[in-house]
Amino acid sequence: MGDTYMDKEATRRLKSFDYYNSHRMPELNQALLKWENVYNTIRPHQALGYLTPQQFLEHHQQNQRKGKVSPIT
């Protein structure tokens, strides 16, 4: 049996995926790390009382040391 169109298309997509991953992954990882930093340290979150996750964690840790129940005061 010869290659069908679907076989050729699958091979083409796999080669394209491999190329993209091998050449773009370091760049994408760097961009994701930058966004993670912004998300956790700069961008306030409504669900966290308009604190950043880092601020929320710091408040939570301080309140735990003081024996308070609520992480946001």
C-alpha atoms as a PDB file:
ATOM      1  CA  MET A   1       0.000   0.000   0.000  1.00  0.00           C
ATOM      2  CA  GLY A   2       1.215   3.469  -0.799  1.00  0.00           C
ATOM      3  CA  ASP A   3       1.098   6.510   1.377  1.00  0.00           C
ATOM      4  CA  THR A   4      -2.302   8.098   1.577  1.00  0.00           C
ATOM      5  CA  TYR A   5      -2.938  11.786   1.789  1.00  0.00           C
ATOM      6  CA  MET A   6      -3.632  11.394   5.528  1.00  0.00           C
ATOM      7  CA  ASP A   7      -0.289   9.644   6.085  1.00  0.00           C
ATOM      8  CA  LYS A   8       1.549  12.425   4.281  1.00  0.00           C
ATOM      9  CA  GLU A   9      -0.363  15.104   6.163  1.00  0.00           C
ATOM     10  CA  ALA A  10       0.351  13.442   9.513  1.00  0.00           C
ATOM     11  CA  THR A  11       4.045  13.209   8.654  1.00  0.00           C
ATOM     12  CA  ARG A  12       4.124  16.853   7.572  1.00  0.00           C
ATOM     13  CA  ARG A  13       2.438  17.966  10.797  1.00  0.00           C
ATOM     14  CA  LEU A  14       4.790  15.878  12.922  1.00  0.00           C
ATOM     15  CA  LYS A  15       7.842  17.333  11.186  1.00  0.00           C
ATOM     16  CA  SER A  16       6.423  20.838  11.601  1.00  0.00           C
ATOM     17  CA  PHE A  17       5.700  20.187  15.284  1.00  0.00           C
ATOM     18  CA  ASP A  18       9.199  18.817  15.863  1.00  0.00           C
ATOM     19  CA  TYR A  19      10.772  21.814  14.115  1.00  0.00           C
ATOM     20  CA  TYR A  20       8.663  24.283  16.057  1.00  0.00           C
ATOM     21  CA  ASN A  21       9.393  22.634  19.385  1.00  0.00           C
ATOM     22  CA  SER A  22      13.113  22.288  18.845  1.00  0.00           C
ATOM     23  CA  HIS A  23      13.569  25.876  17.650  1.00  0.00           C
ATOM     24  CA  ARG A  24      10.972  27.804  19.623  1.00  0.00           C
ATOM     25  CA  MET A  25      10.767  26.071  23.015  1.00  0.00           C
ATOM     26  CA  PRO A  26      13.586  28.035  24.707  1.00  0.00           C
ATOM     27  CA  GLU A  27      12.013  31.300  23.518  1.00  0.00           C
ATOM     28  CA  LEU A  28       8.552  30.214  24.640  1.00  0.00           C
ATOM     29  CA  ASN A  29       9.840  29.034  28.008  1.00  0.00           C
ATOM     30  CA  GLN A  30      11.494  32.417  28.569  1.00  0.00           C
ATOM     31  CA  ALA A  31       8.269  34.254  27.704  1.00  0.00           C
ATOM     32  CA  LEU A  32       6.280  32.004  30.047  1.00  0.00           C
ATOM     33  CA  LEU A  33       8.719  32.614  32.895  1.00  0.00           C
ATOM     34  CA  LYS A  34       8.368  36.377  32.399  1.00  0.00           C
ATOM     35  CA  TRP A  35       4.573  36.101  32.399  1.00  0.00           C
ATOM     36  CA  GLU A  36       4.641  33.891  35.504  1.00  0.00           C
ATOM     37  CA  ASN A  37       6.650  36.573  37.300  1.00  0.00           C
ATOM     38  CA  VAL A  38       4.179  39.295  36.294  1.00  0.00           C
ATOM     39  CA  TYR A  39       1.220  37.081  37.235  1.00  0.00           C
ATOM     40  CA  ASN A  40       2.607  36.272  40.681  1.00  0.00           C
ATOM     41  CA  THR A  41       4.293  39.529  41.683  1.00  0.00           C
ATOM     42  CA  ILE A  42       2.769  42.461  39.770  1.00  0.00           C
ATOM     43  CA  ARG A  43      -0.787  41.657  38.664  1.00  0.00           C
ATOM     44  CA  PRO A  44      -3.418  41.961  41.447  1.00  0.00           C
ATOM     45  CA  HIS A  45      -6.107  39.285  41.574  1.00  0.00           C
ATOM     46  CA  GLN A  46      -9.715  40.035  42.452  1.00  0.00           C
ATOM     47  CA  ALA A  47     -10.140  36.631  44.128  1.00  0.00           C
ATOM     48  CA  LEU A  48      -7.210  37.461  46.438  1.00  0.00           C
ATOM     49  CA  GLY A  49      -8.609  40.784  47.622  1.00  0.00           C
ATOM     50  CA  TYR A  50      -6.729  42.662  44.884  1.00  0.00           C
ATOM     51  CA  LEU A  51      -3.385  41.438  46.151  1.00  0.00           C
ATOM     52  CA  THR A  52      -0.785  39.713  44.042  1.00  0.00           C
ATOM     53  CA  PRO A  53      -0.285  36.032  44.847  1.00  0.00           C
ATOM     54  CA  GLN A  54       3.057  36.944  46.422  1.00  0.00           C
ATOM     55  CA  GLN A  55       1.429  39.587  48.645  1.00  0.00           C
ATOM     56  CA  PHE A  56      -1.368  37.180  49.543  1.00  0.00           C
ATOM     57  CA  LEU A  57       1.151  34.532  50.569  1.00  0.00           C
ATOM     58  CA  GLU A  58       3.119  37.045  52.646  1.00  0.00           C
ATOM     59  CA  HIS A  59      -0.065  38.195  54.431  1.00  0.00           C
ATOM     60  CA  HIS A  60      -1.084  34.598  54.997  1.00  0.00           C
ATOM     61  CA  GLN A  61       2.294  33.689  56.481  1.00  0.00           C
ATOM     62  CA  GLN A  62       2.308  36.772  58.727  1.00  0.00           C
ATOM     63  CA  ASN A  63      -1.200  35.997  59.969  1.00  0.00           C
ATOM     64  CA  GLN A  64      -0.310  32.385  60.642  1.00  0.00           C
ATOM     65  CA  ARG A  65       2.590  33.534  62.821  1.00  0.00           C
ATOM     66  CA  LYS A  66       0.204  35.851  64.684  1.00  0.00           C
ATOM     67  CA  GLY A  67      -2.352  33.057  65.080  1.00  0.00           C
ATOM     68  CA  LYS A  68      -5.037  34.799  63.000  1.00  0.00           C
ATOM     69  CA  VAL A  69      -7.503  32.742  60.983  1.00  0.00           C
ATOM     70  CA  SER A  70      -8.036  35.062  58.004  1.00  0.00           C
ATOM     71  CA  PRO A  71      -5.064  35.514  55.649  1.00  0.00           C
ATOM     72  CA  ILE A  72      -6.289  39.000  54.622  1.00  0.00           C
ATOM     73  CA  THR A  73      -6.688  41.720  57.230  1.00  0.00           C
END
